[in-house]
Amino acid sequence: MRQLTAGRVVTYAVLILAALAVIFPVYYVIAGSVMSPGQISSYPPDLFPHGLFTGNYEGATHSGTPIGQQYLNSILQTSVITLSQLITSVLAAYAFVFMKMWGRTVLFGLFLATLMVPWESIVLPNYLTITGWSIGGERLTASHAGTMLALVLPFLANAFGVFLLRQSFLQFPLELRDAATIDGAGHWRFLTRILMPLNKPALMAVSLYVFLAAWNQFFWPLLIGDSASRRTLQIGISQLNDAEAADPGLILAGVTLSILPTLAIVIFGQRFIVRGLTAGAIR
């Protein structure tokens, strides 16, 4: 019993240290964003703000970098990518599970094979495709490639969401599907009225995963955006870092604005992430 108790104490101590190592940087970013310049540069460094200094946020939003516009760009880009990937993943996973078609196993294998292709290897083909297309009668050249359409087009579908939802749909009892068919439910009614409501954890897990990945994009918005006002918040923070390197408070304020949505998503949606990722673990 003593060994078991000692083992638990060691386990809890290790977990607490690991949690502190993860949480402390996030805490200090948020705390430092409301510290005055004198408090940030003090030695030894202060770990707790002496008050709420809002000058860092005012300086970040009124700097030469259009943080406000870039924040809106990030929200719009992330929302479009999340919604589109959720729709395409649901429809593709439904087809792989409930629709009989020749070669669907081979086709699903090809879907999974795309996950093994590094994103860096297709950046240049995507860029040449986007800048070479004619959309709405206007050729998307390098000078016009910073539009929202160019930001979201390469990310409208992804094989990871298809895989996760397929595994979740495979757990659905076929008896319920047969009963719905006997009652006259077609594919669309069965999908929207029965299947999706019963697979909310998996749907939320896909949505949260896509949201976090889209929100934290850096290289593609940097490559495709032709001006600061057409880029996203992650690019703006790096520009703020270059322009205001002597004022860490402004940088911490910009980083705080960037991580607040992701913190909210992780805190309020973590149970959906765990349940969704483990939904297809046992079959």
Protein backbone atom coordinates (compact mmCIF):
# COMPACT_ATOMS: atom_id res chain seq x y z
CA MET A 1 0.00 0.00 0.00
CA ARG A 2 2.86 2.38 0.81
CA GLN A 3 4.50 1.67 -2.54
CA LEU A 4 1.22 2.30 -4.33
CA THR A 5 0.72 5.59 -2.49
CA ALA A 6 4.28 6.68 -3.17
CA GLY A 7 3.84 5.80 -6.84
CA ARG A 8 0.73 7.93 -7.05
CA VAL A 9 2.51 10.84 -5.40
CA VAL A 10 5.32 10.62 -7.93
CA THR A 11 2.83 10.34 -10.79
CA TYR A 12 0.87 13.39 -9.61
CA ALA A 13 4.08 15.36 -9.11
CA VAL A 14 5.25 14.58 -12.65
CA LEU A 15 1.83 15.48 -14.09
CA ILE A 16 1.77 18.77 -12.16
CA LEU A 17 5.24 19.70 -13.41
CA ALA A 18 4.27 18.82 -16.96
CA ALA A 19 1.08 20.89 -16.67
CA LEU A 20 3.03 23.87 -15.33
CA ALA A 21 5.51 23.60 -18.20
CA VAL A 22 2.61 23.84 -20.66
CA ILE A 23 0.44 26.38 -18.85
CA PHE A 24 3.07 28.83 -17.60
CA PRO A 25 4.10 30.24 -21.03
CA VAL A 26 0.45 30.82 -21.90
CA TYR A 27 -0.18 32.47 -18.54
CA TYR A 28 2.82 34.76 -18.86
CA VAL A 29 1.80 35.85 -22.37
CA ILE A 30 -1.63 36.88 -21.08
CA ALA A 31 -0.28 38.42 -17.88
CA GLY A 32 2.49 40.27 -19.72
CA SER A 33 -0.01 41.77 -22.14
CA VAL A 34 -1.53 43.81 -19.28
CA MET A 35 1.80 44.80 -17.67
CA SER A 36 3.32 48.23 -18.10
CA PRO A 37 6.63 48.51 -19.99
CA GLY A 38 8.46 49.17 -16.73
CA GLN A 39 7.03 46.09 -15.08
CA ILE A 40 7.86 43.87 -18.06
CA SER A 41 11.48 45.02 -18.10
CA SER A 42 11.94 44.81 -14.32
CA TYR A 43 14.56 42.51 -12.80
CA PRO A 44 13.83 40.04 -11.38
CA PRO A 45 10.82 39.72 -13.70
CA ASP A 46 7.36 40.13 -12.21
CA LEU A 47 5.08 37.14 -12.56
CA PHE A 48 1.86 38.95 -11.62
CA PRO A 49 0.55 42.21 -13.11
CA HIS A 50 0.18 45.10 -10.65
CA GLY A 51 -2.83 46.37 -12.55
CA LEU A 52 -4.59 46.22 -15.90
CA PHE A 53 -2.46 48.26 -18.32
CA THR A 54 -4.39 48.55 -21.59
CA GLY A 55 -1.77 50.55 -23.44
CA ASN A 56 -0.29 47.40 -25.01
CA TYR A 57 -3.58 46.53 -26.71
CA GLU A 58 -4.11 50.10 -27.82
CA GLY A 59 -0.61 50.21 -29.27
CA ALA A 60 -1.06 46.87 -31.06
CA THR A 61 -4.37 47.85 -32.66
CA HIS A 62 -3.14 51.32 -33.66
CA SER A 63 0.25 50.28 -34.97
CA GLY A 64 1.23 50.27 -38.64
CA THR A 65 0.11 46.64 -38.87
CA PRO A 66 -3.69 46.37 -39.55
CA ILE A 67 -4.34 43.90 -36.72
CA GLY A 68 -8.10 44.51 -36.76
CA GLN A 69 -8.50 43.72 -40.46
CA GLN A 70 -6.21 40.73 -40.17
CA TYR A 71 -8.25 39.44 -37.24
CA LEU A 72 -11.39 39.60 -39.39
CA ASN A 73 -9.54 37.86 -42.21
CA SER A 74 -8.55 35.03 -39.88
CA ILE A 75 -12.09 34.63 -38.58
CA LEU A 76 -13.58 34.55 -42.07
CA GLN A 77 -10.92 32.22 -43.46
CA THR A 78 -11.18 29.81 -40.52
CA SER A 79 -14.99 29.77 -40.61
CA VAL A 80 -15.16 29.02 -44.33
CA ILE A 81 -12.52 26.27 -44.13
CA THR A 82 -14.13 24.66 -41.08
CA LEU A 83 -17.63 24.65 -42.57
CA SER A 84 -16.51 23.41 -45.99
CA GLN A 85 -14.34 20.60 -44.60
CA LEU A 86 -17.13 19.51 -42.27
CA ILE A 87 -19.62 19.31 -45.15
CA THR A 88 -17.29 17.47 -47.52
CA SER A 89 -16.11 15.09 -44.80
CA VAL A 90 -19.66 14.19 -43.76
CA LEU A 91 -20.78 13.53 -47.33
CA ALA A 92 -17.68 11.52 -48.26
CA ALA A 93 -17.74 9.44 -45.06
CA TYR A 94 -21.43 8.70 -45.56
CA ALA A 95 -20.76 7.50 -49.10
CA PHE A 96 -17.93 5.23 -47.95
CA VAL A 97 -20.07 3.61 -45.24
CA PHE A 98 -23.68 3.51 -46.41
CA MET A 99 -23.57 3.60 -50.21
CA LYS A 100 -22.67 0.46 -52.11
CA MET A 101 -20.24 1.21 -54.90
CA TRP A 102 -17.52 -0.69 -56.68
CA GLY A 103 -13.98 -0.08 -55.48
CA ARG A 104 -14.87 2.04 -52.47
CA THR A 105 -12.17 0.33 -50.36
CA VAL A 106 -9.52 1.20 -52.94
CA LEU A 107 -10.87 4.73 -53.21
CA PHE A 108 -10.77 5.16 -49.45
CA GLY A 109 -7.18 3.94 -49.46
CA LEU A 110 -6.35 6.66 -51.99
CA PHE A 111 -7.98 9.19 -49.66
CA LEU A 112 -5.77 8.05 -46.80
CA ALA A 113 -2.70 8.13 -49.03
CA THR A 114 -3.11 11.89 -49.39
CA LEU A 115 -2.38 12.22 -45.67
CA MET A 116 1.16 11.00 -46.33
CA VAL A 117 1.89 13.80 -48.80
CA PRO A 118 3.75 16.64 -47.03
CA TRP A 119 2.04 20.00 -47.40
CA GLU A 120 5.34 21.63 -48.31
CA SER A 121 5.61 19.47 -51.43
CA ILE A 122 2.37 20.81 -52.91
CA VAL A 123 2.65 24.47 -51.95
CA LEU A 124 4.18 25.47 -55.28
CA PRO A 125 1.64 23.54 -57.43
CA ASN A 126 -1.20 25.04 -55.40
CA TYR A 127 0.23 28.53 -55.79
CA LEU A 128 0.67 28.14 -59.56
CA THR A 129 -2.86 26.73 -59.87
CA ILE A 130 -4.47 29.50 -57.83
CA THR A 131 -2.63 32.29 -59.61
CA GLY A 132 -3.31 30.74 -63.01
CA TRP A 133 -7.06 30.21 -62.71
CA SER A 134 -9.65 32.58 -64.11
CA ILE A 135 -12.46 33.05 -61.61
CA GLY A 136 -15.39 35.34 -62.28
CA GLY A 137 -13.80 36.64 -65.45
CA GLU A 138 -10.76 38.01 -63.59
CA ARG A 139 -7.44 36.24 -63.78
CA LEU A 140 -5.98 35.55 -60.36
CA THR A 141 -2.45 36.81 -60.87
CA ALA A 142 0.10 37.33 -58.12
CA SER A 143 -1.22 40.86 -57.57
CA HIS A 144 -4.76 39.62 -56.86
CA ALA A 145 -3.97 36.34 -55.13
CA GLY A 146 -4.55 37.75 -51.67
CA THR A 147 -8.29 37.37 -51.93
CA MET A 148 -10.21 35.26 -49.47
CA LEU A 149 -11.02 32.82 -52.24
CA ALA A 150 -7.34 32.11 -52.79
CA LEU A 151 -6.81 31.64 -49.05
CA VAL A 152 -9.48 28.94 -48.64
CA LEU A 153 -9.58 27.06 -51.96
CA PRO A 154 -6.79 24.54 -51.21
CA PHE A 155 -8.39 23.61 -47.88
CA LEU A 156 -12.03 22.97 -48.77
CA ALA A 157 -11.60 19.21 -48.22
CA ASN A 158 -9.27 17.02 -46.21
CA ALA A 159 -8.87 13.25 -45.84
CA PHE A 160 -8.44 13.33 -42.06
CA GLY A 161 -12.02 14.42 -41.46
CA VAL A 162 -13.28 11.76 -43.86
CA PHE A 163 -11.31 9.08 -42.03
CA LEU A 164 -12.48 10.15 -38.57
CA LEU A 165 -16.15 10.39 -39.53
CA ARG A 166 -16.03 7.11 -41.45
CA GLN A 167 -14.74 5.34 -38.35
CA SER A 168 -17.53 6.92 -36.32
CA PHE A 169 -20.24 6.06 -38.86
CA LEU A 170 -19.07 2.44 -38.89
CA GLN A 171 -20.24 2.17 -35.27
CA PHE A 172 -23.80 3.04 -36.25
CA PRO A 173 -26.16 0.01 -35.95
CA LEU A 174 -27.22 -1.18 -39.39
CA GLU A 175 -30.58 -2.19 -37.93
CA LEU A 176 -31.44 1.47 -37.38
CA ARG A 177 -30.45 2.23 -40.96
CA ASP A 178 -32.72 -0.56 -42.23
CA ALA A 179 -35.56 0.65 -40.01
CA ALA A 180 -35.20 4.19 -41.36
CA THR A 181 -35.26 2.85 -44.92
CA ILE A 182 -38.46 0.89 -44.22
CA ASP A 183 -40.03 4.08 -42.82
CA GLY A 184 -39.29 5.81 -46.10
CA ALA A 185 -36.24 7.84 -45.08
CA GLY A 186 -33.93 8.56 -47.97
CA HIS A 187 -30.23 9.24 -47.81
CA TRP A 188 -30.56 12.95 -47.01
CA ARG A 189 -33.22 12.52 -44.32
CA PHE A 190 -31.33 9.66 -42.69
CA LEU A 191 -28.11 11.66 -42.73
CA THR A 192 -29.50 14.91 -41.31
CA ARG A 193 -32.21 13.61 -38.96
CA ILE A 194 -30.64 10.44 -37.55
CA LEU A 195 -26.96 9.91 -38.32
CA MET A 196 -25.54 13.38 -37.66
CA PRO A 197 -27.39 14.01 -34.35
CA LEU A 198 -26.11 10.67 -33.04
CA ASN A 199 -22.53 11.45 -34.05
CA LYS A 200 -22.15 14.93 -32.55
CA PRO A 201 -18.88 14.12 -30.70
CA ALA A 202 -17.17 13.08 -33.93
CA LEU A 203 -18.55 16.08 -35.79
CA MET A 204 -17.34 18.42 -33.06
CA ALA A 205 -13.91 16.76 -33.01
CA VAL A 206 -13.51 17.29 -36.77
CA SER A 207 -14.71 20.89 -36.49
CA LEU A 208 -12.33 21.72 -33.65
CA TYR A 209 -9.38 20.04 -35.35
CA VAL A 210 -9.99 21.91 -38.60
CA PHE A 211 -10.57 25.19 -36.77
CA LEU A 212 -7.28 24.99 -34.90
CA ALA A 213 -5.33 24.01 -38.02
CA ALA A 214 -6.88 26.78 -40.12
CA TRP A 215 -6.51 29.45 -37.44
CA ASN A 216 -2.80 28.74 -37.00
CA GLN A 217 -1.92 28.75 -40.70
CA PHE A 218 1.12 30.85 -41.47
CA PHE A 219 3.01 29.94 -44.62
CA TRP A 220 0.11 29.86 -47.11
CA PRO A 221 -1.41 33.22 -46.06
CA LEU A 222 2.09 34.70 -46.12
CA LEU A 223 2.69 33.37 -49.63
CA ILE A 224 -0.69 34.16 -51.16
CA GLY A 225 -1.38 37.53 -49.51
CA ASP A 226 -0.20 40.48 -51.59
CA SER A 227 -0.68 43.15 -48.92
CA ALA A 228 -0.83 43.41 -45.13
CA SER A 229 -4.58 44.10 -45.13
CA ARG A 230 -5.25 40.83 -47.01
CA ARG A 231 -3.21 38.62 -44.73
CA THR A 232 -4.22 36.89 -41.51
CA LEU A 233 -3.54 37.55 -37.85
CA GLN A 234 -0.62 35.13 -37.58
CA ILE A 235 1.23 37.11 -40.26
CA GLY A 236 0.34 40.36 -38.50
CA ILE A 237 1.91 39.17 -35.25
CA SER A 238 5.19 38.42 -37.00
CA GLN A 239 5.09 41.87 -38.63
CA LEU A 240 4.32 43.41 -35.25
CA ASN A 241 7.33 41.59 -33.83
CA ASP A 242 9.58 43.07 -36.52
CA ALA A 243 8.19 46.60 -36.21
CA GLU A 244 7.93 46.77 -32.42
CA ALA A 245 10.85 44.59 -31.31
CA ALA A 246 11.78 47.14 -28.62
CA ASP A 247 8.32 46.92 -27.00
CA PRO A 248 7.56 43.36 -25.89
CA GLY A 249 4.24 44.45 -24.38
CA LEU A 250 2.78 45.12 -27.83
CA ILE A 251 3.94 41.73 -29.05
CA LEU A 252 2.44 39.96 -26.02
CA ALA A 253 -0.85 41.78 -26.61
CA GLY A 254 -0.92 40.64 -30.22
CA VAL A 255 -0.14 37.07 -29.25
CA THR A 256 -2.89 37.15 -26.63
CA LEU A 257 -5.42 38.26 -29.22
CA SER A 258 -4.32 35.34 -31.36
CA ILE A 259 -4.50 32.59 -28.73
CA LEU A 260 -7.80 33.60 -27.09
CA PRO A 261 -10.02 31.82 -29.69
CA THR A 262 -7.91 28.66 -29.55
CA LEU A 263 -7.95 28.65 -25.75
CA ALA A 264 -11.73 28.98 -25.74
CA ILE A 265 -12.05 26.16 -28.28
CA VAL A 266 -9.78 23.82 -26.33
CA ILE A 267 -11.30 24.59 -22.92
CA PHE A 268 -14.95 24.23 -23.93
CA GLY A 269 -14.51 21.55 -26.59
CA GLN A 270 -11.91 19.20 -25.14
CA ARG A 271 -14.46 16.59 -24.14
CA PHE A 272 -15.76 16.47 -27.70
CA ILE A 273 -12.20 16.08 -29.01
CA VAL A 274 -11.53 13.08 -26.75
CA ARG A 275 -14.89 11.42 -27.39
CA GLY A 276 -14.71 12.06 -31.11
CA LEU A 277 -11.18 10.74 -31.55
CA THR A 278 -11.97 7.55 -29.61
CA ALA A 279 -15.38 6.93 -31.19
CA GLY A 280 -13.99 4.55 -33.81
CA ALA A 281 -11.28 2.97 -31.70
CA ILE A 282 -13.26 -0.20 -30.98
CA ARG A 283 -15.36 -1.98 -33.52
